[in-house]
PDB file of all heavy atoms in Angstrom:
ATOM      1  N   ASP A   1       0.796  -1.223   0.000  1.00  0.00           N
ATOM      2  CA  ASP A   1       0.000   0.000   0.000  1.00  0.00           C
ATOM      3  C   ASP A   1       0.831   1.277   0.000  1.00  0.00           C
ATOM      4  O   ASP A   1       0.543   2.226   0.729  1.00  0.00           O
ATOM      5  CB  ASP A   1      -0.958   0.016   1.198  1.00  0.00           C
ATOM      6  CG  ASP A   1      -1.919  -1.165   1.188  1.00  0.00           C
ATOM      7  OD1 ASP A   1      -2.318  -1.582   0.081  1.00  0.00           O
ATOM      8  OD2 ASP A   1      -2.259  -1.661   2.277  1.00  0.00           O
ATOM      9  N   GLY A   2       1.892   1.317  -0.817  1.00  0.00           N
ATOM     10  CA  GLY A   2       2.709   2.521  -0.926  1.00  0.00           C
ATOM     11  C   GLY A   2       3.668   2.743   0.227  1.00  0.00           C
ATOM     12  O   GLY A   2       4.350   3.762   0.287  1.00  0.00           O
ATOM     13  N   ARG A   3       3.749   1.793   1.151  1.00  0.00           N
ATOM     14  CA  ARG A   3       4.690   1.872   2.268  1.00  0.00           C
ATOM     15  C   ARG A   3       5.583   0.642   2.209  1.00  0.00           C
ATOM     16  O   ARG A   3       5.209  -0.384   1.659  1.00  0.00           O
ATOM     17  CB  ARG A   3       3.952   1.929   3.605  1.00  0.00           C
ATOM     18  CG  ARG A   3       3.069   3.133   3.714  1.00  0.00           C
ATOM     19  CD  ARG A   3       2.362   3.298   5.034  1.00  0.00           C
ATOM     20  NE  ARG A   3       2.050   2.054   5.717  1.00  0.00           N
ATOM     21  CZ  ARG A   3       1.877   1.959   7.028  1.00  0.00           C
ATOM     22  NH1 ARG A   3       1.998   3.006   7.790  1.00  0.00           N
ATOM     23  NH2 ARG A   3       1.574   0.801   7.578  1.00  0.00           N
ATOM     24  N   PHE A   4       6.767   0.747   2.801  1.00  0.00           N
ATOM     25  CA  PHE A   4       7.675  -0.392   2.761  1.00  0.00           C
ATOM     26  C   PHE A   4       8.631  -0.372   3.941  1.00  0.00           C
ATOM     27  O   PHE A   4       8.927   0.663   4.524  1.00  0.00           O
ATOM     28  CB  PHE A   4       8.438  -0.428   1.436  1.00  0.00           C
ATOM     29  CG  PHE A   4       9.095   0.870   1.075  1.00  0.00           C
ATOM     30  CD1 PHE A   4      10.406   1.112   1.406  1.00  0.00           C
ATOM     31  CD2 PHE A   4       8.378   1.857   0.422  1.00  0.00           C
ATOM     32  CE1 PHE A   4      11.001   2.310   1.103  1.00  0.00           C
ATOM     33  CE2 PHE A   4       8.963   3.060   0.099  1.00  0.00           C
ATOM     34  CZ  PHE A   4      10.285   3.288   0.450  1.00  0.00           C
ATOM     35  N   TRP A   5       9.079  -1.571   4.287  1.00  0.00           N
ATOM     36  CA  TRP A   5      10.035  -1.805   5.352  1.00  0.00           C
ATOM     37  C   TRP A   5      11.230  -2.507   4.711  1.00  0.00           C
ATOM     38  O   TRP A   5      11.081  -3.271   3.759  1.00  0.00           O
ATOM     39  CB  TRP A   5       9.429  -2.692   6.427  1.00  0.00           C
ATOM     40  CG  TRP A   5       8.276  -2.050   7.133  1.00  0.00           C
ATOM     41  CD1 TRP A   5       8.315  -1.437   8.354  1.00  0.00           C
ATOM     42  CD2 TRP A   5       6.926  -1.945   6.684  1.00  0.00           C
ATOM     43  NE1 TRP A   5       7.075  -0.953   8.675  1.00  0.00           N
ATOM     44  CE2 TRP A   5       6.196  -1.245   7.659  1.00  0.00           C
ATOM     45  CE3 TRP A   5       6.251  -2.340   5.530  1.00  0.00           C
ATOM     46  CZ2 TRP A   5       4.848  -0.959   7.551  1.00  0.00           C
ATOM     47  CZ3 TRP A   5       4.893  -2.052   5.402  1.00  0.00           C
ATOM     48  CH2 TRP A   5       4.210  -1.375   6.402  1.00  0.00           C
ATOM     49  N   GLU A   6      12.424  -2.281   5.251  1.00  0.00           N
ATOM     50  CA  GLU A   6      13.616  -2.807   4.596  1.00  0.00           C
ATOM     51  C   GLU A   6      14.693  -3.124   5.632  1.00  0.00           C
ATOM     52  O   GLU A   6      14.823  -2.430   6.641  1.00  0.00           O
ATOM     53  CB  GLU A   6      14.133  -1.757   3.613  1.00  0.00           C
ATOM     54  CG  GLU A   6      15.262  -2.187   2.736  1.00  0.00           C
ATOM     55  CD  GLU A   6      15.551  -1.169   1.638  1.00  0.00           C
ATOM     56  OE1 GLU A   6      15.098  -0.011   1.738  1.00  0.00           O
ATOM     57  OE2 GLU A   6      16.235  -1.554   0.688  1.00  0.00           O
ATOM     58  N   ALA A   7      15.478  -4.156   5.368  1.00  0.00           N
ATOM     59  CA  ALA A   7      16.609  -4.521   6.226  1.00  0.00           C
ATOM     60  C   ALA A   7      17.689  -5.151   5.366  1.00  0.00           C
ATOM     61  O   ALA A   7      17.384  -5.803   4.361  1.00  0.00           O
ATOM     62  CB  ALA A   7      16.172  -5.485   7.324  1.00  0.00           C
ATOM     63  N   GLY A   8      18.947  -4.955   5.761  1.00  0.00           N
ATOM     64  CA  GLY A   8      20.027  -5.577   5.007  1.00  0.00           C
ATOM     65  C   GLY A   8      21.395  -5.042   5.374  1.00  0.00           C
ATOM     66  O   GLY A   8      21.606  -4.523   6.470  1.00  0.00           O
ATOM     67  N   ARG A   9      22.293  -5.140   4.403  1.00  0.00           N
ATOM     68  CA  ARG A   9      23.714  -4.849   4.626  1.00  0.00           C
ATOM     69  C   ARG A   9      24.222  -3.901   3.550  1.00  0.00           C
ATOM     70  O   ARG A   9      23.906  -4.063   2.368  1.00  0.00           O
ATOM     71  CB  ARG A   9      24.488  -6.160   4.588  1.00  0.00           C
ATOM     72  CG  ARG A   9      25.973  -6.025   4.730  1.00  0.00           C
ATOM     73  CD  ARG A   9      26.597  -7.398   4.760  1.00  0.00           C
ATOM     74  NE  ARG A   9      28.025  -7.321   4.516  1.00  0.00           N
ATOM     75  CZ  ARG A   9      28.924  -8.003   5.185  1.00  0.00           C
ATOM     76  NH1 ARG A   9      28.546  -8.836   6.133  1.00  0.00           N
ATOM     77  NH2 ARG A   9      30.203  -7.877   4.897  1.00  0.00           N
ATOM     78  N   VAL A  10      25.040  -2.940   3.998  1.00  0.00           N
ATOM     79  CA  VAL A  10      25.706  -1.996   3.092  1.00  0.00           C
ATOM     80  C   VAL A  10      27.202  -2.233   3.231  1.00  0.00           C
ATOM     81  O   VAL A  10      27.747  -2.188   4.340  1.00  0.00           O
ATOM     82  CB  VAL A  10      25.375  -0.534   3.455  1.00  0.00           C
ATOM     83  CG1 VAL A  10      26.018   0.416   2.457  1.00  0.00           C
ATOM     84  CG2 VAL A  10      23.872  -0.311   3.529  1.00  0.00           C
ATOM     85  N   ASP A  11      27.878  -2.511   2.108  1.00  0.00           N
ATOM     86  CA  ASP A  11      29.314  -2.792   2.113  1.00  0.00           C
ATOM     87  C   ASP A  11      30.102  -1.625   1.545  1.00  0.00           C
ATOM     88  O   ASP A  11      29.705  -1.025   0.537  1.00  0.00           O
ATOM     89  CB  ASP A  11      29.607  -4.050   1.293  1.00  0.00           C
ATOM     90  CG  ASP A  11      29.150  -5.303   2.008  1.00  0.00           C
ATOM     91  OD1 ASP A  11      29.798  -5.673   3.008  1.00  0.00           O
ATOM     92  OD2 ASP A  11      28.155  -5.900   1.579  1.00  0.00           O
ATOM     93  N   PHE A  12      31.226  -1.334   2.192  1.00  0.00           N
ATOM     94  CA  PHE A  12      32.184  -0.336   1.725  1.00  0.00           C
ATOM     95  C   PHE A  12      33.475  -1.096   1.433  1.00  0.00           C
ATOM     96  O   PHE A  12      34.324  -1.279   2.307  1.00  0.00           O
ATOM     97  CB  PHE A  12      32.373   0.756   2.780  1.00  0.00           C
ATOM     98  CG  PHE A  12      31.101   1.525   3.034  1.00  0.00           C
ATOM     99  CD1 PHE A  12      30.198   1.105   4.002  1.00  0.00           C
ATOM    100  CD2 PHE A  12      30.799   2.646   2.279  1.00  0.00           C
ATOM    101  CE1 PHE A  12      29.021   1.800   4.223  1.00  0.00           C
ATOM    102  CE2 PHE A  12      29.620   3.346   2.490  1.00  0.00           C
ATOM    103  CZ  PHE A  12      28.726   2.919   3.460  1.00  0.00           C
ATOM    104  N   SER A  13      33.618  -1.569   0.193  1.00  0.00           N
ATOM    105  CA  SER A  13      34.668  -2.517  -0.168  1.00  0.00           C
ATOM    106  C   SER A  13      36.066  -1.951  -0.002  1.00  0.00           C
ATOM    107  O   SER A  13      36.986  -2.696   0.329  1.00  0.00           O
ATOM    108  CB  SER A  13      34.464  -2.986  -1.608  1.00  0.00           C
ATOM    109  OG  SER A  13      34.537  -1.881  -2.503  1.00  0.00           O
ATOM    110  N   GLY A  14      36.231  -0.665  -0.219  1.00  0.00           N
ATOM    111  CA  GLY A  14      37.566  -0.071  -0.164  1.00  0.00           C
ATOM    112  C   GLY A  14      38.210  -0.098   1.207  1.00  0.00           C
ATOM    113  O   GLY A  14      39.429   0.010   1.323  1.00  0.00           O
ATOM    114  N   ILE A  15      37.397  -0.238   2.262  1.00  0.00           N
ATOM    115  CA  ILE A  15      37.953  -0.323   3.617  1.00  0.00           C
ATOM    116  C   ILE A  15      37.541  -1.614   4.317  1.00  0.00           C
ATOM    117  O   ILE A  15      37.707  -1.760   5.522  1.00  0.00           O
ATOM    118  CB  ILE A  15      37.579   0.908   4.486  1.00  0.00           C
ATOM    119  CG1 ILE A  15      36.064   1.053   4.641  1.00  0.00           C
ATOM    120  CG2 ILE A  15      38.210   2.174   3.934  1.00  0.00           C
ATOM    121  CD1 ILE A  15      35.648   2.087   5.674  1.00  0.00           C
ATOM    122  N   GLY A  16      36.998  -2.558   3.546  1.00  0.00           N
ATOM    123  CA  GLY A  16      36.623  -3.856   4.107  1.00  0.00           C
ATOM    124  C   GLY A  16      35.661  -3.737   5.278  1.00  0.00           C
ATOM    125  O   GLY A  16      35.803  -4.442   6.272  1.00  0.00           O
ATOM    126  N   SER A  17      34.683  -2.849   5.151  1.00  0.00           N
ATOM    127  CA  SER A  17      33.767  -2.582   6.254  1.00  0.00           C
ATOM    128  C   SER A  17      32.324  -2.636   5.781  1.00  0.00           C
ATOM    129  O   SER A  17      32.052  -2.494   4.591  1.00  0.00           O
ATOM    130  CB  SER A  17      34.066  -1.207   6.854  1.00  0.00           C
ATOM    131  OG  SER A  17      35.391  -1.172   7.353  1.00  0.00           O
ATOM    132  N   HIS A  18      31.393  -2.807   6.735  1.00  0.00           N
ATOM    133  CA  HIS A  18      29.977  -2.857   6.376  1.00  0.00           C
ATOM    134  C   HIS A  18      29.116  -2.328   7.519  1.00  0.00           C
ATOM    135  O   HIS A  18      29.581  -2.205   8.661  1.00  0.00           O
ATOM    136  CB  HIS A  18      29.550  -4.282   6.011  1.00  0.00           C
ATOM    137  CG  HIS A  18      29.561  -5.219   7.174  1.00  0.00           C
ATOM    138  ND1 HIS A  18      30.684  -5.906   7.569  1.00  0.00           N
ATOM    139  CD2 HIS A  18      28.587  -5.570   8.052  1.00  0.00           C
ATOM    140  CE1 HIS A  18      30.396  -6.656   8.627  1.00  0.00           C
ATOM    141  NE2 HIS A  18      29.125  -6.462   8.949  1.00  0.00           N
ATOM    142  N   LEU A  19      27.872  -2.020   7.159  1.00  0.00           N
ATOM    143  CA  LEU A  19      26.852  -1.608   8.120  1.00  0.00           C
ATOM    144  C   LEU A  19      25.638  -2.515   7.975  1.00  0.00           C
ATOM    145  O   LEU A  19      25.316  -2.934   6.856  1.00  0.00           O
ATOM    146  CB  LEU A  19      26.417  -0.161   7.874  1.00  0.00           C
ATOM    147  CG  LEU A  19      27.493   0.901   8.075  1.00  0.00           C
ATOM    148  CD1 LEU A  19      27.017   2.235   7.527  1.00  0.00           C
ATOM    149  CD2 LEU A  19      27.858   1.012   9.549  1.00  0.00           C
ATOM    150  N   ILE A  20      24.961  -2.798   9.079  1.00  0.00           N
ATOM    151  CA  ILE A  20      23.701  -3.537   9.071  1.00  0.00           C
ATOM    152  C   ILE A  20      22.610  -2.515   9.384  1.00  0.00           C
ATOM    153  O   ILE A  20      22.712  -1.776  10.369  1.00  0.00           O
ATOM    154  CB  ILE A  20      23.691  -4.666  10.120  1.00  0.00           C
ATOM    155  CG1 ILE A  20      24.881  -5.619   9.910  1.00  0.00           C
ATOM    156  CG2 ILE A  20      22.355  -5.411  10.099  1.00  0.00           C
ATOM    157  CD1 ILE A  20      24.881  -6.342   8.584  1.00  0.00           C
ATOM    158  N   VAL A  21      21.573  -2.473   8.528  1.00  0.00           N
ATOM    159  CA  VAL A  21      20.529  -1.460   8.664  1.00  0.00           C
ATOM    160  C   VAL A  21      19.147  -2.106   8.654  1.00  0.00           C
ATOM    161  O   VAL A  21      18.952  -3.184   8.095  1.00  0.00           O
ATOM    162  CB  VAL A  21      20.611  -0.405   7.535  1.00  0.00           C
ATOM    163  CG1 VAL A  21      21.936   0.328   7.576  1.00  0.00           C
ATOM    164  CG2 VAL A  21      20.407  -1.040   6.157  1.00  0.00           C
ATOM    165  N   GLU A  22      18.197  -1.409   9.293  1.00  0.00           N
ATOM    166  CA  GLU A  22      16.801  -1.832   9.249  1.00  0.00           C
ATOM    167  C   GLU A  22      15.915  -0.613   9.467  1.00  0.00           C
ATOM    168  O   GLU A  22      16.342   0.371  10.071  1.00  0.00           O
ATOM    169  CB  GLU A  22      16.503  -2.893  10.313  1.00  0.00           C
ATOM    170  CG  GLU A  22      16.584  -2.378  11.734  1.00  0.00           C
ATOM    171  CD  GLU A  22      16.269  -3.448  12.772  1.00  0.00           C
ATOM    172  OE1 GLU A  22      16.167  -4.633  12.421  1.00  0.00           O
ATOM    173  OE2 GLU A  22      16.139  -3.078  13.957  1.00  0.00           O
ATOM    174  N   THR A  23      14.691  -0.694   8.963  1.00  0.00           N
ATOM    175  CA  THR A  23      13.745   0.387   9.196  1.00  0.00           C
ATOM    176  C   THR A  23      12.979   0.123  10.486  1.00  0.00           C
ATOM    177  O   THR A  23      12.693  -1.025  10.832  1.00  0.00           O
ATOM    178  CB  THR A  23      12.737   0.519   8.038  1.00  0.00           C
ATOM    179  OG1 THR A  23      12.120  -0.750   7.810  1.00  0.00           O
ATOM    180  CG2 THR A  23      13.395   0.994   6.770  1.00  0.00           C
ATOM    181  N   ILE A  24      12.655   1.204  11.171  1.00  0.00           N
ATOM    182  CA  ILE A  24      11.776   1.128  12.334  1.00  0.00           C
ATOM    183  C   ILE A  24      10.395   1.608  11.926  1.00  0.00           C
ATOM    184  O   ILE A  24       9.383   1.060  12.329  1.00  0.00           O
ATOM    185  CB  ILE A  24      12.337   1.963  13.494  1.00  0.00           C
ATOM    186  CG1 ILE A  24      13.642   1.345  13.982  1.00  0.00           C
ATOM    187  CG2 ILE A  24      11.318   2.060  14.626  1.00  0.00           C
ATOM    188  CD1 ILE A  24      14.336   2.132  15.062  1.00  0.00           C
ATOM    189  N   HIS A  25      10.362   2.638  11.095  1.00  0.00           N
ATOM    190  CA  HIS A  25       9.123   3.188  10.554  1.00  0.00           C
ATOM    191  C   HIS A  25       9.129   2.944   9.049  1.00  0.00           C
ATOM    192  O   HIS A  25      10.188   2.935   8.429  1.00  0.00           O
ATOM    193  CB  HIS A  25       9.024   4.687  10.838  1.00  0.00           C
ATOM    194  CG  HIS A  25       9.101   5.005  12.294  1.00  0.00           C
ATOM    195  ND1 HIS A  25       8.064   4.749  13.164  1.00  0.00           N
ATOM    196  CD2 HIS A  25      10.089   5.536  13.046  1.00  0.00           C
ATOM    197  CE1 HIS A  25       8.416   5.112  14.374  1.00  0.00           C
ATOM    198  NE2 HIS A  25       9.642   5.592  14.332  1.00  0.00           N
ATOM    199  N   PRO A  26       7.988   2.760   8.442  1.00  0.00           N
ATOM    200  CA  PRO A  26       7.972   2.481   7.001  1.00  0.00           C
ATOM    201  C   PRO A  26       8.393   3.684   6.165  1.00  0.00           C
ATOM    202  O   PRO A  26       8.156   4.828   6.551  1.00  0.00           O
ATOM    203  CB  PRO A  26       6.518   2.113   6.731  1.00  0.00           C
ATOM    204  CG  PRO A  26       5.746   2.772   7.812  1.00  0.00           C
ATOM    205  CD  PRO A  26       6.646   2.785   9.018  1.00  0.00           C
ATOM    206  N   GLY A  27       9.017   3.375   5.037  1.00  0.00           N
ATOM    207  CA  GLY A  27       9.251   4.388   4.028  1.00  0.00           C
ATOM    208  C   GLY A  27       7.974   4.563   3.226  1.00  0.00           C
ATOM    209  O   GLY A  27       7.011   3.800   3.385  1.00  0.00           O
ATOM    210  N   ALA A  28       7.962   5.571   2.370  1.00  0.00           N
ATOM    211  CA  ALA A  28       6.760   5.828   1.574  1.00  0.00           C
ATOM    212  C   ALA A  28       7.171   6.241   0.166  1.00  0.00           C
ATOM    213  O   ALA A  28       8.240   6.809  -0.045  1.00  0.00           O
ATOM    214  CB  ALA A  28       5.913   6.927   2.212  1.00  0.00           C
ATOM    215  N   SER A  29       6.304   5.940  -0.785  1.00  0.00           N
ATOM    216  CA  SER A  29       6.542   6.351  -2.168  1.00  0.00           C
ATOM    217  C   SER A  29       5.232   6.814  -2.789  1.00  0.00           C
ATOM    218  O   SER A  29       4.151   6.467  -2.309  1.00  0.00           O
ATOM    219  CB  SER A  29       7.149   5.205  -2.983  1.00  0.00           C
ATOM    220  OG  SER A  29       6.240   4.133  -3.091  1.00  0.00           O
ATOM    221  N   VAL A  30       5.373   7.606  -3.842  1.00  0.00           N
ATOM    222  CA  VAL A  30       4.216   8.073  -4.599  1.00  0.00           C
ATOM    223  C   VAL A  30       4.480   7.805  -6.075  1.00  0.00           C
ATOM    224  O   VAL A  30       5.615   7.836  -6.527  1.00  0.00           O
ATOM    225  CB  VAL A  30       3.931   9.581  -4.378  1.00  0.00           C
ATOM    226  CG1 VAL A  30       3.542   9.839  -2.937  1.00  0.00           C
ATOM    227  CG2 VAL A  30       5.124  10.425  -4.765  1.00  0.00           C
ATOM    228  N   ASP A  31       3.416   7.503  -6.799  1.00  0.00           N
ATOM    229  CA  ASP A  31       3.528   7.291  -8.238  1.00  0.00           C
ATOM    230  C   ASP A  31       3.518   8.636  -8.949  1.00  0.00           C
ATOM    231  O   ASP A  31       2.735   9.527  -8.604  1.00  0.00           O
ATOM    232  CB  ASP A  31       2.373   6.424  -8.740  1.00  0.00           C
ATOM    233  CG  ASP A  31       2.474   4.996  -8.224  1.00  0.00           C
ATOM    234  OD1 ASP A  31       3.609   4.524  -8.009  1.00  0.00           O
ATOM    235  OD2 ASP A  31       1.418   4.360  -8.042  1.00  0.00           O
ATOM    236  N   LEU A  32       4.395   8.758  -9.932  1.00  0.00           N
ATOM    237  CA  LEU A  32       4.505   9.966 -10.744  1.00  0.00           C
ATOM    238  C   LEU A  32       4.153   9.619 -12.181  1.00  0.00           C
ATOM    239  O   LEU A  32       4.125   8.443 -12.553  1.00  0.00           O
ATOM    240  CB  LEU A  32       5.926  10.525 -10.666  1.00  0.00           C
ATOM    241  CG  LEU A  32       6.438  10.880  -9.267  1.00  0.00           C
ATOM    242  CD1 LEU A  32       7.904  11.268  -9.328  1.00  0.00           C
ATOM    243  CD2 LEU A  32       5.606  11.994  -8.670  1.00  0.00           C
ATOM    244  N   PRO A  33       3.909  10.612 -13.017  1.00  0.00           N
ATOM    245  CA  PRO A  33       3.620  10.330 -14.427  1.00  0.00           C
ATOM    246  C   PRO A  33       4.773   9.569 -15.096  1.00  0.00           C
ATOM    247  O   PRO A  33       5.927   9.685 -14.685  1.00  0.00           O
ATOM    248  CB  PRO A  33       3.475  11.721 -15.036  1.00  0.00           C
ATOM    249  CG  PRO A  33       3.131  12.618 -13.901  1.00  0.00           C
ATOM    250  CD  PRO A  33       3.831  12.033 -12.703  1.00  0.00           C
ATOM    251  N   GLY A  34       4.447   8.808 -16.097  1.00  0.00           N
ATOM    252  CA  GLY A  34       5.454   8.098 -16.879  1.00  0.00           C
ATOM    253  C   GLY A  34       5.956   6.812 -16.252  1.00  0.00           C
ATOM    254  O   GLY A  34       7.023   6.321 -16.616  1.00  0.00           O
ATOM    255  N   GLY A  35       5.203   6.247 -15.307  1.00  0.00           N
ATOM    256  CA  GLY A  35       5.615   4.975 -14.717  1.00  0.00           C
ATOM    257  C   GLY A  35       6.774   5.082 -13.746  1.00  0.00           C
ATOM    258  O   GLY A  35       7.495   4.119 -13.514  1.00  0.00           O
TER     259      GLY A  35
END
């Protein structure tokens, strides 16, 4: 319904490091012309 939750991993290869992330509140999107 136009809202979303997300979790995963972000890698920074140049320094061999990563972050683990998750949403607490949903994100939101809206449809625009042209798909």
